[in-house]
């Protein structure tokens, strides 16, 4: 019998056996990560520099961009490294750190999405109370609660998962360290049931947030349908429906990945589901939640054109002194 203390590394699942396909995955993940870094970096710069975006929604967008960057930077670089160098290893401590930060960022992100939905609900359905319900102090408290929820949830899951004795080898059937695949290596039934209980509890909280989001959007849609302007209705629906679609995709795929029976598990299915909830939402969030915001688009245009014009007049303007 093997024990977790004897492991110095885990073996991650490779995306493909053929070298050409491994390099294709590397370039694909590189493109996704660069696009996400660029989009979220621009959003952070625009929100920080433009005083017109110093609003509750701008504040929550800034926090959401930070979680998106965290999600992408936690899982994708290691997958790119393994694909490029044709390896599958990750150290035991590196695996624990990756699991901790991924759960931390994904929980904080989902909490922020729920808060952002509440922000839209108040803005559309209770506009007269917006300044009271979403003042600067209330926004700071809600954002802090989202980050604290992510930290506590991540700490509980990481401590519970890595306290289990492992006796089924060290090969994980996933491209990053994920709780269900570490649990498959466990030989402790009581510890396994404890972690499954934590997963079910987290899933129930996530489902509760989803119910709140759906209820809020039902109220928002009812209010929007009373708007006489067809253009106003189209703008509201075009923003809300993609938001609801990405939240549904993230929650459903994450729940399936963590709670599906072992009998229907397969490497290809696990890879597809994990990419859908760990890589796709953070890459799409800037487009759906931010770049559809006209004020933010104007701020981005001002930021980019200002930087280019200053770069023409002074090449060091955008990069600082050499």
C-alpha atoms as a PDB file:
ATOM      1  CA  UNK A   1       0.000   0.000   0.000  1.00  0.00           C
ATOM      2  CA  UNK A   2       1.240   3.476  -0.967  1.00  0.00           C
ATOM      3  CA  UNK A   3       0.845   6.435   1.318  1.00  0.00           C
ATOM      4  CA  UNK A   4       0.478  10.053   0.328  1.00  0.00           C
ATOM      5  CA  UNK A   5       3.583  10.932   2.302  1.00  0.00           C
ATOM      6  CA  UNK A   6       5.675   8.798  -0.068  1.00  0.00           C
ATOM      7  CA  UNK A   7       4.549  10.787  -3.140  1.00  0.00           C
ATOM      8  CA  UNK A   8       6.748  13.566  -4.412  1.00  0.00           C
ATOM      9  CA  UNK A   9       4.715  14.168  -7.563  1.00  0.00           C
ATOM     10  CA  UNK A  10       1.501  13.375  -9.410  1.00  0.00           C
ATOM     11  CA  UNK A  11       1.048  12.399 -13.046  1.00  0.00           C
ATOM     12  CA  UNK A  12      -1.425  14.575 -14.946  1.00  0.00           C
ATOM     13  CA  UNK A  13      -3.440  13.477 -17.960  1.00  0.00           C
ATOM     14  CA  UNK A  14      -1.907  14.393 -21.314  1.00  0.00           C
ATOM     15  CA  UNK A  15      -4.180  15.962 -23.915  1.00  0.00           C
ATOM     16  CA  UNK A  16      -2.895  13.670 -26.637  1.00  0.00           C
ATOM     17  CA  UNK A  17      -0.331  10.961 -27.325  1.00  0.00           C
ATOM     18  CA  UNK A  18       0.866  12.363 -30.643  1.00  0.00           C
ATOM     19  CA  UNK A  19       3.470  15.102 -30.496  1.00  0.00           C
ATOM     20  CA  UNK A  20       1.708  17.189 -33.172  1.00  0.00           C
ATOM     21  CA  UNK A  21      -1.528  17.261 -31.177  1.00  0.00           C
ATOM     22  CA  UNK A  22       0.331  18.150 -27.984  1.00  0.00           C
ATOM     23  CA  UNK A  23       1.850  21.179 -29.715  1.00  0.00           C
ATOM     24  CA  UNK A  24      -1.575  22.071 -31.119  1.00  0.00           C
ATOM     25  CA  UNK A  25      -2.983  22.090 -27.568  1.00  0.00           C
ATOM     26  CA  UNK A  26      -0.058  24.238 -26.463  1.00  0.00           C
ATOM     27  CA  UNK A  27      -0.704  26.889 -29.119  1.00  0.00           C
ATOM     28  CA  UNK A  28      -4.469  26.780 -28.498  1.00  0.00           C
ATOM     29  CA  UNK A  29      -4.043  27.307 -24.753  1.00  0.00           C
ATOM     30  CA  UNK A  30      -1.447  30.003 -25.406  1.00  0.00           C
ATOM     31  CA  UNK A  31      -3.923  31.906 -27.599  1.00  0.00           C
ATOM     32  CA  UNK A  32      -6.700  31.563 -24.994  1.00  0.00           C
ATOM     33  CA  UNK A  33      -4.476  32.665 -22.123  1.00  0.00           C
ATOM     34  CA  UNK A  34      -3.029  35.647 -24.023  1.00  0.00           C
ATOM     35  CA  UNK A  35      -6.516  36.768 -25.068  1.00  0.00           C
ATOM     36  CA  UNK A  36      -7.762  36.465 -21.485  1.00  0.00           C
ATOM     37  CA  UNK A  37      -4.716  38.292 -20.091  1.00  0.00           C
ATOM     38  CA  UNK A  38      -5.035  41.100 -22.629  1.00  0.00           C
ATOM     39  CA  UNK A  39      -8.798  41.541 -22.215  1.00  0.00           C
ATOM     40  CA  UNK A  40      -8.759  41.429 -18.415  1.00  0.00           C
ATOM     41  CA  UNK A  41      -5.648  43.619 -18.254  1.00  0.00           C
ATOM     42  CA  UNK A  42      -7.359  46.259 -20.386  1.00  0.00           C
ATOM     43  CA  UNK A  43     -10.455  46.109 -18.192  1.00  0.00           C
ATOM     44  CA  UNK A  44      -8.381  46.544 -15.024  1.00  0.00           C
ATOM     45  CA  UNK A  45      -6.562  49.521 -16.539  1.00  0.00           C
ATOM     46  CA  UNK A  46      -9.750  51.148 -17.838  1.00  0.00           C
ATOM     47  CA  UNK A  47     -11.660  50.776 -14.568  1.00  0.00           C
ATOM     48  CA  UNK A  48      -8.718  52.016 -12.518  1.00  0.00           C
ATOM     49  CA  UNK A  49      -7.984  55.043 -14.717  1.00  0.00           C
ATOM     50  CA  UNK A  50     -11.415  56.257 -15.838  1.00  0.00           C
ATOM     51  CA  UNK A  51     -13.422  57.998 -13.106  1.00  0.00           C
ATOM     52  CA  UNK A  52     -16.654  57.355 -15.056  1.00  0.00           C
ATOM     53  CA  UNK A  53     -16.210  53.663 -14.207  1.00  0.00           C
ATOM     54  CA  UNK A  54     -15.778  54.249 -10.476  1.00  0.00           C
ATOM     55  CA  UNK A  55     -19.257  52.795  -9.920  1.00  0.00           C
ATOM     56  CA  UNK A  56     -20.486  49.659  -8.112  1.00  0.00           C
ATOM     57  CA  UNK A  57     -20.576  47.691 -11.386  1.00  0.00           C
ATOM     58  CA  UNK A  58     -17.105  48.941 -12.327  1.00  0.00           C
ATOM     59  CA  UNK A  59     -15.800  47.912  -8.920  1.00  0.00           C
ATOM     60  CA  UNK A  60     -17.280  44.421  -9.287  1.00  0.00           C
ATOM     61  CA  UNK A  61     -15.937  44.141 -12.848  1.00  0.00           C
ATOM     62  CA  UNK A  62     -12.463  44.912 -11.536  1.00  0.00           C
ATOM     63  CA  UNK A  63     -12.770  42.131  -8.957  1.00  0.00           C
ATOM     64  CA  UNK A  64     -14.191  39.738 -11.554  1.00  0.00           C
ATOM     65  CA  UNK A  65     -11.240  40.407 -13.857  1.00  0.00           C
ATOM     66  CA  UNK A  66      -8.863  39.539 -11.016  1.00  0.00           C
ATOM     67  CA  UNK A  67     -10.612  36.185 -10.469  1.00  0.00           C
ATOM     68  CA  UNK A  68     -10.589  35.477 -14.215  1.00  0.00           C
ATOM     69  CA  UNK A  69      -6.844  36.115 -14.359  1.00  0.00           C
ATOM     70  CA  UNK A  70      -6.371  33.903 -11.316  1.00  0.00           C
ATOM     71  CA  UNK A  71      -8.362  31.016 -12.815  1.00  0.00           C
ATOM     72  CA  UNK A  72      -6.484  31.137 -16.117  1.00  0.00           C
ATOM     73  CA  UNK A  73      -3.049  31.504 -14.496  1.00  0.00           C
ATOM     74  CA  UNK A  74      -3.657  28.634 -12.055  1.00  0.00           C
ATOM     75  CA  UNK A  75      -4.408  25.831 -14.519  1.00  0.00           C
ATOM     76  CA  UNK A  76      -3.399  26.809 -18.053  1.00  0.00           C
ATOM     77  CA  UNK A  77       0.374  27.538 -17.680  1.00  0.00           C
ATOM     78  CA  UNK A  78       1.125  24.090 -16.239  1.00  0.00           C
ATOM     79  CA  UNK A  79      -0.928  22.419 -18.974  1.00  0.00           C
ATOM     80  CA  UNK A  80       0.981  24.436 -21.582  1.00  0.00           C
ATOM     81  CA  UNK A  81       4.315  23.519 -19.975  1.00  0.00           C
ATOM     82  CA  UNK A  82       3.488  19.813 -19.999  1.00  0.00           C
ATOM     83  CA  UNK A  83       2.253  19.870 -23.602  1.00  0.00           C
ATOM     84  CA  UNK A  84       5.295  21.786 -24.853  1.00  0.00           C
ATOM     85  CA  UNK A  85       7.888  19.709 -22.988  1.00  0.00           C
ATOM     86  CA  UNK A  86       6.032  16.390 -23.444  1.00  0.00           C
ATOM     87  CA  UNK A  87       5.771  15.669 -19.732  1.00  0.00           C
ATOM     88  CA  UNK A  88       2.902  15.012 -17.308  1.00  0.00           C
ATOM     89  CA  UNK A  89       4.364  15.574 -13.840  1.00  0.00           C
ATOM     90  CA  UNK A  90       3.444  18.057 -11.120  1.00  0.00           C
ATOM     91  CA  UNK A  91       4.964  18.127  -7.646  1.00  0.00           C
ATOM     92  CA  UNK A  92       2.894  17.154  -4.593  1.00  0.00           C
ATOM     93  CA  UNK A  93       3.116  20.690  -3.147  1.00  0.00           C
ATOM     94  CA  UNK A  94       2.489  22.183  -6.565  1.00  0.00           C
ATOM     95  CA  UNK A  95      -0.656  20.079  -6.893  1.00  0.00           C
ATOM     96  CA  UNK A  96      -1.909  21.212  -3.473  1.00  0.00           C
ATOM     97  CA  UNK A  97      -1.216  24.855  -4.354  1.00  0.00           C
ATOM     98  CA  UNK A  98      -2.933  24.521  -7.728  1.00  0.00           C
ATOM     99  CA  UNK A  99      -6.025  22.963  -6.141  1.00  0.00           C
ATOM    100  CA  UNK A 100      -6.160  25.620  -3.419  1.00  0.00           C
ATOM    101  CA  UNK A 101      -5.903  28.593  -5.769  1.00  0.00           C
ATOM    102  CA  UNK A 102      -8.266  27.145  -8.364  1.00  0.00           C
ATOM    103  CA  UNK A 103     -11.046  26.504  -5.814  1.00  0.00           C
ATOM    104  CA  UNK A 104     -10.317  29.919  -4.274  1.00  0.00           C
ATOM    105  CA  UNK A 105     -10.667  31.838  -7.540  1.00  0.00           C
ATOM    106  CA  UNK A 106     -13.591  29.838  -8.931  1.00  0.00           C
ATOM    107  CA  UNK A 107     -15.588  30.231  -5.694  1.00  0.00           C
ATOM    108  CA  UNK A 108     -14.844  33.957  -5.458  1.00  0.00           C
ATOM    109  CA  UNK A 109     -15.796  34.365  -9.121  1.00  0.00           C
ATOM    110  CA  UNK A 110     -19.144  32.656  -8.729  1.00  0.00           C
ATOM    111  CA  UNK A 111     -19.858  34.744  -5.632  1.00  0.00           C
ATOM    112  CA  UNK A 112     -19.031  37.920  -7.559  1.00  0.00           C
ATOM    113  CA  UNK A 113     -21.301  36.885 -10.431  1.00  0.00           C
ATOM    114  CA  UNK A 114     -24.139  36.516  -7.939  1.00  0.00           C
ATOM    115  CA  UNK A 115     -23.387  39.964  -6.491  1.00  0.00           C
ATOM    116  CA  UNK A 116     -23.265  41.480  -9.986  1.00  0.00           C
ATOM    117  CA  UNK A 117     -26.671  39.987 -10.709  1.00  0.00           C
ATOM    118  CA  UNK A 118     -27.969  41.622  -7.521  1.00  0.00           C
ATOM    119  CA  UNK A 119     -26.472  44.908  -8.714  1.00  0.00           C
ATOM    120  CA  UNK A 120     -28.411  44.686 -11.999  1.00  0.00           C
ATOM    121  CA  UNK A 121     -31.580  43.711 -10.162  1.00  0.00           C
ATOM    122  CA  UNK A 122     -31.399  46.748  -7.883  1.00  0.00           C
ATOM    123  CA  UNK A 123     -30.440  49.087 -10.753  1.00  0.00           C
ATOM    124  CA  UNK A 124     -33.397  48.011 -12.914  1.00  0.00           C
ATOM    125  CA  UNK A 125     -36.088  47.001 -10.429  1.00  0.00           C
ATOM    126  CA  UNK A 126     -35.320  49.304  -7.463  1.00  0.00           C
ATOM    127  CA  UNK A 127     -33.490  52.303  -8.970  1.00  0.00           C
ATOM    128  CA  UNK A 128     -34.579  54.687  -6.215  1.00  0.00           C
ATOM    129  CA  UNK A 129     -32.838  52.524  -3.598  1.00  0.00           C
ATOM    130  CA  UNK A 130     -29.661  51.923  -5.634  1.00  0.00           C
ATOM    131  CA  UNK A 131     -27.526  54.494  -3.841  1.00  0.00           C
ATOM    132  CA  UNK A 132     -28.585  53.163  -0.443  1.00  0.00           C
ATOM    133  CA  UNK A 133     -28.297  49.426  -1.133  1.00  0.00           C
ATOM    134  CA  UNK A 134     -25.088  49.669  -3.157  1.00  0.00           C
ATOM    135  CA  UNK A 135     -23.080  52.412  -1.520  1.00  0.00           C
ATOM    136  CA  UNK A 136     -19.287  52.279  -1.473  1.00  0.00           C
ATOM    137  CA  UNK A 137     -19.157  50.616   1.946  1.00  0.00           C
ATOM    138  CA  UNK A 138     -21.783  48.002   0.996  1.00  0.00           C
ATOM    139  CA  UNK A 139     -19.891  47.188  -2.221  1.00  0.00           C
ATOM    140  CA  UNK A 140     -16.611  46.801  -0.326  1.00  0.00           C
ATOM    141  CA  UNK A 141     -18.282  44.487   2.206  1.00  0.00           C
ATOM    142  CA  UNK A 142     -19.865  42.336  -0.543  1.00  0.00           C
ATOM    143  CA  UNK A 143     -16.590  42.034  -2.459  1.00  0.00           C
ATOM    144  CA  UNK A 144     -14.717  41.156   0.751  1.00  0.00           C
ATOM    145  CA  UNK A 145     -17.367  38.530   1.531  1.00  0.00           C
ATOM    146  CA  UNK A 146     -16.891  37.003  -1.943  1.00  0.00           C
ATOM    147  CA  UNK A 147     -13.100  36.740  -1.498  1.00  0.00           C
ATOM    148  CA  UNK A 148     -13.467  35.436   2.075  1.00  0.00           C
ATOM    149  CA  UNK A 149     -15.964  32.789   0.914  1.00  0.00           C
ATOM    150  CA  UNK A 150     -13.500  31.655  -1.733  1.00  0.00           C
ATOM    151  CA  UNK A 151     -10.656  31.458   0.780  1.00  0.00           C
ATOM    152  CA  UNK A 152     -12.622  29.489   3.399  1.00  0.00           C
ATOM    153  CA  UNK A 153     -14.123  27.111   0.848  1.00  0.00           C
ATOM    154  CA  UNK A 154     -10.727  26.500  -0.727  1.00  0.00           C
ATOM    155  CA  UNK A 155      -9.030  25.982   2.640  1.00  0.00           C
ATOM    156  CA  UNK A 156     -11.631  23.420   3.722  1.00  0.00           C
ATOM    157  CA  UNK A 157     -11.473  21.413   0.482  1.00  0.00           C
ATOM    158  CA  UNK A 158      -7.679  21.499   0.182  1.00  0.00           C
ATOM    159  CA  UNK A 159      -7.107  20.471   3.809  1.00  0.00           C
ATOM    160  CA  UNK A 160      -9.728  17.716   3.580  1.00  0.00           C
ATOM    161  CA  UNK A 161      -8.480  16.339   0.249  1.00  0.00           C
ATOM    162  CA  UNK A 162      -4.757  16.312   1.038  1.00  0.00           C
ATOM    163  CA  UNK A 163      -5.256  14.824   4.489  1.00  0.00           C
ATOM    164  CA  UNK A 164      -6.489  11.593   2.864  1.00  0.00           C
ATOM    165  CA  UNK A 165      -4.137   8.597   2.627  1.00  0.00           C
ATOM    166  CA  UNK A 166      -3.556   7.660  -1.009  1.00  0.00           C
ATOM    167  CA  UNK A 167      -3.064   4.045  -2.020  1.00  0.00           C
ATOM    168  CA  UNK A 168      -4.166   3.902  -5.675  1.00  0.00           C
ATOM    169  CA  UNK A 169      -1.018   5.257  -7.280  1.00  0.00           C
ATOM    170  CA  UNK A 170      -0.321   8.851  -8.270  1.00  0.00           C
ATOM    171  CA  UNK A 171      -1.866   9.128 -11.765  1.00  0.00           C
ATOM    172  CA  UNK A 172      -4.597  11.769 -12.010  1.00  0.00           C
ATOM    173  CA  UNK A 173      -7.065  11.471 -14.872  1.00  0.00           C
ATOM    174  CA  UNK A 174      -7.166  15.235 -15.457  1.00  0.00           C
ATOM    175  CA  UNK A 175      -4.936  17.967 -16.939  1.00  0.00           C
ATOM    176  CA  UNK A 176      -4.835  19.806 -13.582  1.00  0.00           C
ATOM    177  CA  UNK A 177      -5.201  18.832  -9.939  1.00  0.00           C
ATOM    178  CA  UNK A 178      -8.887  18.392  -9.282  1.00  0.00           C
ATOM    179  CA  UNK A 179     -10.674  17.047  -6.201  1.00  0.00           C
ATOM    180  CA  UNK A 180     -12.613  14.108  -7.759  1.00  0.00           C
ATOM    181  CA  UNK A 181      -9.496  12.640  -9.341  1.00  0.00           C
ATOM    182  CA  UNK A 182      -7.476  12.893  -6.134  1.00  0.00           C
ATOM    183  CA  UNK A 183     -10.341  11.221  -4.260  1.00  0.00           C
ATOM    184  CA  UNK A 184     -10.114   8.267  -6.657  1.00  0.00           C
ATOM    185  CA  UNK A 185      -6.630   7.591  -5.281  1.00  0.00           C
ATOM    186  CA  UNK A 186      -7.807   7.548  -1.663  1.00  0.00           C
ATOM    187  CA  UNK A 187      -8.121   4.427   0.461  1.00  0.00           C
ATOM    188  CA  UNK A 188      -9.920   6.113   3.366  1.00  0.00           C
ATOM    189  CA  UNK A 189     -13.688   5.598   3.173  1.00  0.00           C
ATOM    190  CA  UNK A 190     -14.454   7.979   6.045  1.00  0.00           C
ATOM    191  CA  UNK A 191     -12.243  10.731   4.590  1.00  0.00           C
ATOM    192  CA  UNK A 192     -13.758  10.132   1.148  1.00  0.00           C
ATOM    193  CA  UNK A 193     -17.292  10.525   2.531  1.00  0.00           C
ATOM    194  CA  UNK A 194     -16.247  13.671   4.413  1.00  0.00           C
ATOM    195  CA  UNK A 195     -14.952  15.345   1.269  1.00  0.00           C
ATOM    196  CA  UNK A 196     -17.991  14.242  -0.758  1.00  0.00           C
ATOM    197  CA  UNK A 197     -20.143  15.834   1.953  1.00  0.00           C
ATOM    198  CA  UNK A 198     -18.197  19.087   1.572  1.00  0.00           C
ATOM    199  CA  UNK A 199     -18.633  18.936  -2.213  1.00  0.00           C
ATOM    200  CA  UNK A 200     -22.396  18.372  -1.869  1.00  0.00           C
ATOM    201  CA  UNK A 201     -22.612  21.280   0.596  1.00  0.00           C
ATOM    202  CA  UNK A 202     -20.690  23.568  -1.798  1.00  0.00           C
ATOM    203  CA  UNK A 203     -22.877  22.423  -4.692  1.00  0.00           C
ATOM    204  CA  UNK A 204     -26.018  23.243  -2.683  1.00  0.00           C
ATOM    205  CA  UNK A 205     -24.692  26.735  -1.958  1.00  0.00           C
ATOM    206  CA  UNK A 206     -23.859  27.170  -5.636  1.00  0.00           C
ATOM    207  CA  UNK A 207     -27.312  25.978  -6.636  1.00  0.00           C
ATOM    208  CA  UNK A 208     -28.842  28.416  -4.144  1.00  0.00           C
ATOM    209  CA  UNK A 209     -26.878  31.241  -5.794  1.00  0.00           C
ATOM    210  CA  UNK A 210     -28.087  30.043  -9.193  1.00  0.00           C
ATOM    211  CA  UNK A 211     -31.725  30.081  -8.008  1.00  0.00           C
ATOM    212  CA  UNK A 212     -31.177  33.641  -6.760  1.00  0.00           C
ATOM    213  CA  UNK A 213     -29.702  34.622 -10.145  1.00  0.00           C
ATOM    214  CA  UNK A 214     -32.623  33.077 -12.056  1.00  0.00           C
ATOM    215  CA  UNK A 215     -35.188  34.726  -9.755  1.00  0.00           C
ATOM    216  CA  UNK A 216     -33.427  38.082 -10.142  1.00  0.00           C
ATOM    217  CA  UNK A 217     -33.417  37.788 -13.912  1.00  0.00           C
ATOM    218  CA  UNK A 218     -37.102  36.875 -13.982  1.00  0.00           C
ATOM    219  CA  UNK A 219     -37.788  40.138 -12.146  1.00  0.00           C
ATOM    220  CA  UNK A 220     -35.383  41.992 -14.456  1.00  0.00           C
ATOM    221  CA  UNK A 221     -37.040  40.585 -17.591  1.00  0.00           C
ATOM    222  CA  UNK A 222     -40.484  41.535 -16.284  1.00  0.00           C
ATOM    223  CA  UNK A 223     -39.254  45.082 -15.743  1.00  0.00           C
ATOM    224  CA  UNK A 224     -37.521  45.177 -19.124  1.00  0.00           C
ATOM    225  CA  UNK A 225     -40.641  44.042 -20.985  1.00  0.00           C
ATOM    226  CA  UNK A 226     -42.388  47.147 -19.682  1.00  0.00           C
ATOM    227  CA  UNK A 227     -39.769  49.363 -21.357  1.00  0.00           C
ATOM    228  CA  UNK A 228     -41.472  51.055 -24.349  1.00  0.00           C
ATOM    229  CA  UNK A 229     -38.240  51.289 -26.346  1.00  0.00           C
ATOM    230  CA  UNK A 230     -37.455  48.186 -28.392  1.00  0.00           C
ATOM    231  CA  UNK A 231     -33.797  49.203 -28.453  1.00  0.00           C
ATOM    232  CA  UNK A 232     -33.751  49.342 -24.646  1.00  0.00           C
ATOM    233  CA  UNK A 233     -35.311  45.888 -24.384  1.00  0.00           C
ATOM    234  CA  UNK A 234     -32.828  44.472 -26.884  1.00  0.00           C
ATOM    235  CA  UNK A 235     -29.883  45.975 -24.990  1.00  0.00           C
ATOM    236  CA  UNK A 236     -31.071  44.508 -21.679  1.00  0.00           C
ATOM    237  CA  UNK A 237     -31.751  41.059 -23.109  1.00  0.00           C
ATOM    238  CA  UNK A 238     -28.467  40.949 -25.058  1.00  0.00           C
ATOM    239  CA  UNK A 239     -26.585  41.598 -21.802  1.00  0.00           C
ATOM    240  CA  UNK A 240     -28.606  39.394 -19.430  1.00  0.00           C
ATOM    241  CA  UNK A 241     -29.053  36.249 -21.520  1.00  0.00           C
ATOM    242  CA  UNK A 242     -25.307  35.643 -22.176  1.00  0.00           C
ATOM    243  CA  UNK A 243     -24.657  36.271 -18.453  1.00  0.00           C
ATOM    244  CA  UNK A 244     -27.234  33.623 -17.524  1.00  0.00           C
ATOM    245  CA  UNK A 245     -25.887  31.208 -20.160  1.00  0.00           C
ATOM    246  CA  UNK A 246     -22.282  31.354 -18.902  1.00  0.00           C
ATOM    247  CA  UNK A 247     -23.331  31.044 -15.247  1.00  0.00           C
ATOM    248  CA  UNK A 248     -25.469  27.994 -16.172  1.00  0.00           C
ATOM    249  CA  UNK A 249     -22.608  26.435 -18.156  1.00  0.00           C
ATOM    250  CA  UNK A 250     -20.083  26.975 -15.365  1.00  0.00           C
ATOM    251  CA  UNK A 251     -22.328  25.634 -12.595  1.00  0.00           C
ATOM    252  CA  UNK A 252     -23.713  22.657 -14.532  1.00  0.00           C
ATOM    253  CA  UNK A 253     -20.362  21.428 -15.850  1.00  0.00           C
ATOM    254  CA  UNK A 254     -18.664  21.954 -12.472  1.00  0.00           C
ATOM    255  CA  UNK A 255     -21.432  20.026 -10.703  1.00  0.00           C
ATOM    256  CA  UNK A 256     -21.308  17.199 -13.246  1.00  0.00           C
ATOM    257  CA  UNK A 257     -17.519  16.944 -12.940  1.00  0.00           C
ATOM    258  CA  UNK A 258     -17.551  16.747  -9.139  1.00  0.00           C
ATOM    259  CA  UNK A 259     -20.696  14.674  -8.521  1.00  0.00           C
ATOM    260  CA  UNK A 260     -21.011  12.352 -11.527  1.00  0.00           C
ATOM    261  CA  UNK A 261     -20.844   8.574 -10.840  1.00  0.00           C
ATOM    262  CA  UNK A 262     -17.510   6.873 -11.458  1.00  0.00           C
ATOM    263  CA  UNK A 263     -19.253   4.474 -13.870  1.00  0.00           C
ATOM    264  CA  UNK A 264     -19.735   7.204 -16.505  1.00  0.00           C
ATOM    265  CA  UNK A 265     -16.277   8.717 -16.083  1.00  0.00           C
ATOM    266  CA  UNK A 266     -13.906   8.677 -19.049  1.00  0.00           C
ATOM    267  CA  UNK A 267     -10.706  10.637 -19.812  1.00  0.00           C
ATOM    268  CA  UNK A 268     -12.117  12.399 -22.874  1.00  0.00           C
ATOM    269  CA  UNK A 269     -15.366  13.349 -21.116  1.00  0.00           C
ATOM    270  CA  UNK A 270     -13.479  14.581 -18.059  1.00  0.00           C
ATOM    271  CA  UNK A 271     -11.207  16.754 -20.214  1.00  0.00           C
ATOM    272  CA  UNK A 272     -14.101  18.329 -22.107  1.00  0.00           C
ATOM    273  CA  UNK A 273     -16.163  19.024 -18.976  1.00  0.00           C
ATOM    274  CA  UNK A 274     -13.205  20.442 -17.036  1.00  0.00           C
ATOM    275  CA  UNK A 275     -12.223  22.802 -19.878  1.00  0.00           C
ATOM    276  CA  UNK A 276     -15.853  23.982 -20.138  1.00  0.00           C
ATOM    277  CA  UNK A 277     -15.997  25.071 -16.506  1.00  0.00           C
ATOM    278  CA  UNK A 278     -12.373  25.999 -15.752  1.00  0.00           C
ATOM    279  CA  UNK A 279     -11.101  27.680 -18.936  1.00  0.00           C
ATOM    280  CA  UNK A 280     -14.056  28.803 -21.062  1.00  0.00           C
ATOM    281  CA  UNK A 281     -15.952  31.028 -18.552  1.00  0.00           C
ATOM    282  CA  UNK A 282     -12.877  33.070 -17.473  1.00  0.00           C
ATOM    283  CA  UNK A 283     -12.017  33.598 -21.134  1.00  0.00           C
ATOM    284  CA  UNK A 284     -15.567  34.654 -22.076  1.00  0.00           C
ATOM    285  CA  UNK A 285     -16.342  36.819 -19.058  1.00  0.00           C
ATOM    286  CA  UNK A 286     -14.541  39.939 -20.372  1.00  0.00           C
ATOM    287  CA  UNK A 287     -16.599  39.763 -23.574  1.00  0.00           C
ATOM    288  CA  UNK A 288     -19.954  39.098 -21.912  1.00  0.00           C
ATOM    289  CA  UNK A 289     -19.804  41.176 -18.740  1.00  0.00           C
ATOM    290  CA  UNK A 290     -17.456  43.962 -19.716  1.00  0.00           C
ATOM    291  CA  UNK A 291     -17.031  44.566 -23.419  1.00  0.00           C
ATOM    292  CA  UNK A 292     -20.823  44.781 -23.852  1.00  0.00           C
ATOM    293  CA  UNK A 293     -20.788  47.753 -21.490  1.00  0.00           C
ATOM    294  CA  UNK A 294     -20.812  50.931 -23.587  1.00  0.00           C
ATOM    295  CA  UNK A 295     -19.116  53.054 -20.917  1.00  0.00           C
ATOM    296  CA  UNK A 296     -16.338  50.495 -20.609  1.00  0.00           C
ATOM    297  CA  UNK A 297     -15.909  50.260 -24.376  1.00  0.00           C
ATOM    298  CA  UNK A 298     -15.595  54.037 -24.570  1.00  0.00           C
ATOM    299  CA  UNK A 299     -13.031  53.988 -21.754  1.00  0.00           C
ATOM    300  CA  UNK A 300     -11.048  51.239 -23.519  1.00  0.00           C
ATOM    301  CA  UNK A 301     -11.051  53.180 -26.794  1.00  0.00           C
ATOM    302  CA  UNK A 302      -9.850  56.278 -24.941  1.00  0.00           C
ATOM    303  CA  UNK A 303      -7.150  54.266 -23.163  1.00  0.00           C
ATOM    304  CA  UNK A 304      -5.870  52.564 -26.328  1.00  0.00           C
ATOM    305  CA  UNK A 305      -5.984  55.638 -28.587  1.00  0.00           C
ATOM    306  CA  UNK A 306      -4.408  57.775 -25.868  1.00  0.00           C
ATOM    307  CA  UNK A 307      -1.600  55.294 -25.418  1.00  0.00           C
ATOM    308  CA  UNK A 308      -0.957  55.069 -29.170  1.00  0.00           C
ATOM    309  CA  UNK A 309      -0.997  58.829 -29.634  1.00  0.00           C
ATOM    310  CA  UNK A 310       1.382  59.326 -26.712  1.00  0.00           C
ATOM    311  CA  UNK A 311       3.588  56.497 -28.027  1.00  0.00           C
ATOM    312  CA  UNK A 312       3.895  58.316 -31.342  1.00  0.00           C
ATOM    313  CA  UNK A 313       4.877  61.571 -29.642  1.00  0.00           C
ATOM    314  CA  UNK A 314       6.981  59.906 -26.925  1.00  0.00           C
ATOM    315  CA  UNK A 315       7.870  56.204 -27.368  1.00  0.00           C
ATOM    316  CA  UNK A 316       8.438  55.784 -23.634  1.00  0.00           C
ATOM    317  CA  UNK A 317       5.009  57.156 -22.615  1.00  0.00           C
ATOM    318  CA  UNK A 318       3.297  53.786 -22.402  1.00  0.00           C
ATOM    319  CA  UNK A 319       6.211  51.869 -21.069  1.00  0.00           C
ATOM    320  CA  UNK A 320       7.766  54.209 -18.545  1.00  0.00           C
ATOM    321  CA  UNK A 321      11.378  55.357 -18.458  1.00  0.00           C
ATOM    322  CA  UNK A 322      14.052  52.934 -19.566  1.00  0.00           C
END
